C-alpha atoms as a PDB file:
ATOM      1  CA  MET A   1      -3.193  -9.923  19.964  1.00  0.00           C
ATOM      2  CA  LEU A   2      -4.567  -6.423  20.636  1.00  0.00           C
ATOM      3  CA  GLU A   3      -3.108  -6.615  24.078  1.00  0.00           C
ATOM      4  CA  GLU A   4       0.502  -7.045  22.588  1.00  0.00           C
ATOM      5  CA  PHE A   5      -0.299  -4.149  20.232  1.00  0.00           C
ATOM      6  CA  GLU A   6      -1.466  -1.937  22.974  1.00  0.00           C
ATOM      7  CA  ASN A   7       1.590  -2.109  24.740  1.00  0.00           C
ATOM      8  CA  TYR A   8       3.776  -1.546  21.615  1.00  0.00           C
ATOM      9  CA  TYR A   9       1.307   1.313  20.725  1.00  0.00           C
ATOM     10  CA  LYS A  10       2.335   3.070  23.867  1.00  0.00           C
ATOM     11  CA  ARG A  11       5.899   3.572  22.270  1.00  0.00           C
ATOM     12  CA  PHE A  12       4.978   4.202  18.696  1.00  0.00           C
ATOM     13  CA  GLU A  13       2.281   6.391  16.948  1.00  0.00           C
ATOM     14  CA  LYS A  14      -0.151   4.984  14.599  1.00  0.00           C
ATOM     15  CA  ALA A  15      -0.356   6.685  10.946  1.00  0.00           C
ATOM     16  CA  SER A  16      -3.335   8.651  10.318  1.00  0.00           C
ATOM     17  CA  VAL A  17      -5.701   7.681   7.659  1.00  0.00           C
ATOM     18  CA  GLY A  18      -4.774  10.818   5.686  1.00  0.00           C
ATOM     19  CA  ARG A  19      -1.006  10.119   5.555  1.00  0.00           C
ATOM     20  CA  ARG A  20      -1.963   6.614   4.414  1.00  0.00           C
ATOM     21  CA  ILE A  21      -4.023   7.785   1.606  1.00  0.00           C
ATOM     22  CA  GLY A  22      -1.190  10.263   0.743  1.00  0.00           C
ATOM     23  CA  ALA A  23       1.152   7.460   0.396  1.00  0.00           C
ATOM     24  CA  PHE A  24      -1.212   5.419  -1.774  1.00  0.00           C
ATOM     25  CA  LEU A  25      -1.667   8.353  -4.043  1.00  0.00           C
ATOM     26  CA  ILE A  26       2.284   8.833  -4.291  1.00  0.00           C
ATOM     27  CA  ASP A  27       2.461   5.173  -5.189  1.00  0.00           C
ATOM     28  CA  PHE A  28      -0.550   5.188  -7.385  1.00  0.00           C
ATOM     29  CA  PHE A  29       1.308   8.194  -9.395  1.00  0.00           C
ATOM     30  CA  ILE A  30       4.444   6.401  -9.744  1.00  0.00           C
ATOM     31  CA  TYR A  31       2.557   3.143 -11.064  1.00  0.00           C
ATOM     32  CA  TYR A  32       0.482   5.394 -13.448  1.00  0.00           C
ATOM     33  CA  VAL A  33       3.549   7.278 -14.798  1.00  0.00           C
ATOM     34  CA  ILE A  34       5.219   3.946 -15.360  1.00  0.00           C
ATOM     35  CA  GLY A  35       2.015   2.809 -17.392  1.00  0.00           C
ATOM     36  CA  LEU A  36       1.957   5.776 -19.444  1.00  0.00           C
ATOM     37  CA  VAL A  37       5.571   5.890 -20.426  1.00  0.00           C
ATOM     38  CA  LEU A  38       5.142   2.216 -21.658  1.00  0.00           C
ATOM     39  CA  GLY A  39       1.906   3.276 -23.129  1.00  0.00           C
ATOM     40  CA  LEU A  40       3.521   5.980 -25.222  1.00  0.00           C
ATOM     41  CA  PHE A  41       5.813   3.232 -26.704  1.00  0.00           C
ATOM     42  CA  PHE A  42       3.762  -0.044 -26.815  1.00  0.00           C
ATOM     43  CA  ASP A  43       0.222   1.157 -27.072  1.00  0.00           C
ATOM     44  CA  THR A  44      -1.896  -1.318 -29.300  1.00  0.00           C
ATOM     45  CA  SER A  45      -4.684   1.357 -29.475  1.00  0.00           C
ATOM     46  CA  SER A  46      -5.027   4.747 -30.775  1.00  0.00           C
ATOM     47  CA  GLU A  47      -7.266   6.497 -28.444  1.00  0.00           C
ATOM     48  CA  SER A  48      -5.414   9.295 -26.671  1.00  0.00           C
ATOM     49  CA  ILE A  49      -2.117   9.818 -24.665  1.00  0.00           C
ATOM     50  CA  PHE A  50      -4.019   9.356 -21.375  1.00  0.00           C
ATOM     51  CA  SER A  51      -5.830   6.045 -22.761  1.00  0.00           C
ATOM     52  CA  TYR A  52      -3.537   3.276 -23.697  1.00  0.00           C
ATOM     53  CA  GLN A  53      -3.892  -0.625 -23.936  1.00  0.00           C
ATOM     54  CA  LEU A  54      -0.757  -2.854 -23.354  1.00  0.00           C
ATOM     55  CA  ASP A  55      -0.351  -6.554 -24.469  1.00  0.00           C
ATOM     56  CA  GLY A  56       2.135  -9.139 -24.093  1.00  0.00           C
ATOM     57  CA  LEU A  57       5.452  -8.366 -22.437  1.00  0.00           C
ATOM     58  CA  PRO A  58       4.617  -4.637 -21.641  1.00  0.00           C
ATOM     59  CA  ALA A  59       1.646  -5.907 -19.796  1.00  0.00           C
ATOM     60  CA  VAL A  60       3.343  -8.193 -17.789  1.00  0.00           C
ATOM     61  CA  PHE A  61       6.047  -5.846 -17.093  1.00  0.00           C
ATOM     62  CA  VAL A  62       3.416  -3.274 -15.729  1.00  0.00           C
ATOM     63  CA  PHE A  63       1.909  -5.925 -13.655  1.00  0.00           C
ATOM     64  CA  CYS A  64       5.273  -6.909 -12.153  1.00  0.00           C
ATOM     65  CA  CYS A  65       5.854  -3.318 -11.482  1.00  0.00           C
ATOM     66  CA  MET A  66       2.511  -3.309  -9.674  1.00  0.00           C
ATOM     67  CA  LEU A  67       3.469  -6.409  -7.586  1.00  0.00           C
ATOM     68  CA  PHE A  68       6.909  -4.896  -6.721  1.00  0.00           C
ATOM     69  CA  LEU A  69       5.501  -1.337  -5.973  1.00  0.00           C
ATOM     70  CA  TRP A  70       3.066  -2.602  -3.108  1.00  0.00           C
ATOM     71  CA  PRO A  71       3.454  -5.959  -1.560  1.00  0.00           C
ATOM     72  CA  VAL A  72       6.831  -6.900  -2.607  1.00  0.00           C
ATOM     73  CA  SER A  73       8.287  -3.527  -1.411  1.00  0.00           C
ATOM     74  CA  GLU A  74       6.106  -3.901   1.901  1.00  0.00           C
ATOM     75  CA  GLY A  75       7.353  -7.313   2.548  1.00  0.00           C
ATOM     76  CA  ILE A  76      10.912  -6.741   1.845  1.00  0.00           C
ATOM     77  CA  TRP A  77      11.435  -3.006   3.321  1.00  0.00           C
ATOM     78  CA  GLY A  78       7.946  -2.642   5.453  1.00  0.00           C
ATOM     79  CA  GLN A  79       7.369   0.533   2.983  1.00  0.00           C
ATOM     80  CA  THR A  80       6.318   1.452  -0.381  1.00  0.00           C
ATOM     81  CA  ILE A  81       7.924   4.486  -2.080  1.00  0.00           C
ATOM     82  CA  GLY A  82       5.159   6.627  -0.942  1.00  0.00           C
ATOM     83  CA  LYS A  83       4.930   5.260   2.585  1.00  0.00           C
ATOM     84  CA  ARG A  84       8.669   6.036   2.778  1.00  0.00           C
ATOM     85  CA  PHE A  85       8.191   9.645   1.516  1.00  0.00           C
ATOM     86  CA  LEU A  86       5.509  10.223   4.195  1.00  0.00           C
ATOM     87  CA  ASP A  87       7.538   8.421   6.862  1.00  0.00           C
ATOM     88  CA  ILE A  88       5.218   5.475   7.743  1.00  0.00           C
ATOM     89  CA  ARG A  89       5.918   1.898   7.649  1.00  0.00           C
ATOM     90  CA  VAL A  90       3.883  -1.252   8.038  1.00  0.00           C
ATOM     91  CA  VAL A  91       4.615  -3.672  11.222  1.00  0.00           C
ATOM     92  CA  ASN A  92       3.157  -6.544  12.782  1.00  0.00           C
ATOM     93  CA  LYS A  93       1.811  -6.649  16.495  1.00  0.00           C
ATOM     94  CA  LYS A  94       5.559  -7.054  17.605  1.00  0.00           C
ATOM     95  CA  ASN A  95       6.905  -4.102  15.891  1.00  0.00           C
ATOM     96  CA  GLU A  96       8.390  -6.215  13.472  1.00  0.00           C
ATOM     97  CA  GLN A  97       8.548  -6.072   9.668  1.00  0.00           C
ATOM     98  CA  ILE A  98       5.858  -7.886   7.828  1.00  0.00           C
ATOM     99  CA  ASN A  99       6.423 -11.114   5.762  1.00  0.00           C
ATOM    100  CA  LEU A 100       5.701 -11.319   2.170  1.00  0.00           C
ATOM    101  CA  GLY A 101       2.696 -13.424   2.830  1.00  0.00           C
ATOM    102  CA  GLN A 102       1.250 -10.697   4.969  1.00  0.00           C
ATOM    103  CA  ALA A 103       1.974  -8.130   2.386  1.00  0.00           C
ATOM    104  CA  PHE A 104       0.339  -9.905  -0.391  1.00  0.00           C
ATOM    105  CA  GLY A 105      -2.874 -10.519   1.836  1.00  0.00           C
ATOM    106  CA  ARG A 106      -3.025  -6.903   2.623  1.00  0.00           C
ATOM    107  CA  PHE A 107      -2.384  -6.055  -1.280  1.00  0.00           C
ATOM    108  CA  PHE A 108      -5.136  -8.712  -2.412  1.00  0.00           C
ATOM    109  CA  LEU A 109      -7.614  -7.547   0.223  1.00  0.00           C
ATOM    110  CA  GLY A 110      -6.958  -3.998  -0.822  1.00  0.00           C
ATOM    111  CA  PHE A 111      -9.057  -4.284  -3.939  1.00  0.00           C
ATOM    112  CA  LEU A 112     -11.958  -4.981  -1.400  1.00  0.00           C
ATOM    113  CA  ASP A 113     -10.731  -1.924   0.516  1.00  0.00           C
ATOM    114  CA  PHE A 114     -10.999   0.294  -2.486  1.00  0.00           C
ATOM    115  CA  PHE A 115     -14.364  -0.773  -3.716  1.00  0.00           C
ATOM    116  CA  LEU A 116     -17.081   1.983  -2.798  1.00  0.00           C
ATOM    117  CA  LEU A 117     -13.857   3.203  -0.400  1.00  0.00           C
ATOM    118  CA  ILE A 118     -14.816   0.479   2.198  1.00  0.00           C
ATOM    119  CA  GLY A 119     -11.253   0.587   3.495  1.00  0.00           C
ATOM    120  CA  ILE A 120     -11.298   4.302   4.176  1.00  0.00           C
ATOM    121  CA  ILE A 121     -14.452   3.945   6.229  1.00  0.00           C
ATOM    122  CA  VAL A 122     -13.249   0.720   8.415  1.00  0.00           C
ATOM    123  CA  ALA A 123     -10.021   2.660   8.898  1.00  0.00           C
ATOM    124  CA  LEU A 124     -11.707   5.682  10.165  1.00  0.00           C
ATOM    125  CA  ILE A 125     -13.880   3.558  12.531  1.00  0.00           C
ATOM    126  CA  ASN A 126     -11.003   1.221  13.780  1.00  0.00           C
ATOM    127  CA  LYS A 127      -9.245   2.732  16.723  1.00  0.00           C
ATOM    128  CA  ASN A 128      -5.941   1.383  15.327  1.00  0.00           C
ATOM    129  CA  ASN A 129      -6.695   2.938  11.826  1.00  0.00           C
ATOM    130  CA  GLN A 130      -6.728  -0.795  10.143  1.00  0.00           C
ATOM    131  CA  ARG A 131      -8.433  -1.281   6.882  1.00  0.00           C
ATOM    132  CA  ILE A 132      -9.669  -5.038   6.030  1.00  0.00           C
ATOM    133  CA  GLY A 133      -6.595  -5.991   4.615  1.00  0.00           C
ATOM    134  CA  ASP A 134      -4.577  -4.843   7.807  1.00  0.00           C
ATOM    135  CA  SER A 135      -6.731  -6.795  10.238  1.00  0.00           C
ATOM    136  CA  ALA A 136      -6.776  -9.769   7.834  1.00  0.00           C
ATOM    137  CA  ALA A 137      -2.940  -9.729   7.860  1.00  0.00           C
ATOM    138  CA  GLY A 138      -2.315  -8.719  11.568  1.00  0.00           C
ATOM    139  CA  SER A 139      -0.512  -5.645  10.378  1.00  0.00           C
ATOM    140  CA  PHE A 140      -0.512  -1.931  11.516  1.00  0.00           C
ATOM    141  CA  VAL A 141       0.756   1.048   9.550  1.00  0.00           C
ATOM    142  CA  VAL A 142       2.667   3.380  12.198  1.00  0.00           C
ATOM    143  CA  LYS A 143       4.751   6.429  11.773  1.00  0.00           C
ATOM    144  CA  SER A 144       8.616   5.237  11.238  1.00  0.00           C
ATOM    145  CA  LYS A 145      10.027   8.008  13.637  1.00  0.00           C
ATOM    146  CA  PHE A 146       7.921   8.673  16.648  1.00  0.00           C
ATOM    147  CA  ASN A 147       8.028  12.614  17.395  1.00  0.00           C
ATOM    148  CA  GLY A 148       6.621  12.673  20.804  1.00  0.00           C
END
């Protein structure tokens, strides 16, 4: 599997861990703003503007937004909004767009990666900058346009 990627890798450049973190932060900010706006209108608690609780349909809508922002957009377009902004994308070992199954696998294992920043540590020591979710899904994050 890695031999095929090595041949592919000669033509394309892997995305840096910093660029990947930046893309995640952009996506998370978009997700947070959506939740914040909905929280302003549908908040069921009375804490503060930055603390909100959603129930029912607004909570389902925010959950669906989360699925669309991460695994669905990666499975359909190979990129999230943040990845597109930072010019990186997710591919398989044959430089093809990942499918929805791989995207959901990456997403759900992302919770493990996020725990104690394990994903960052694993990506830093992995020569292909793969986090646990990438390794399990057989995916790689690369620059969209090769500049070299």
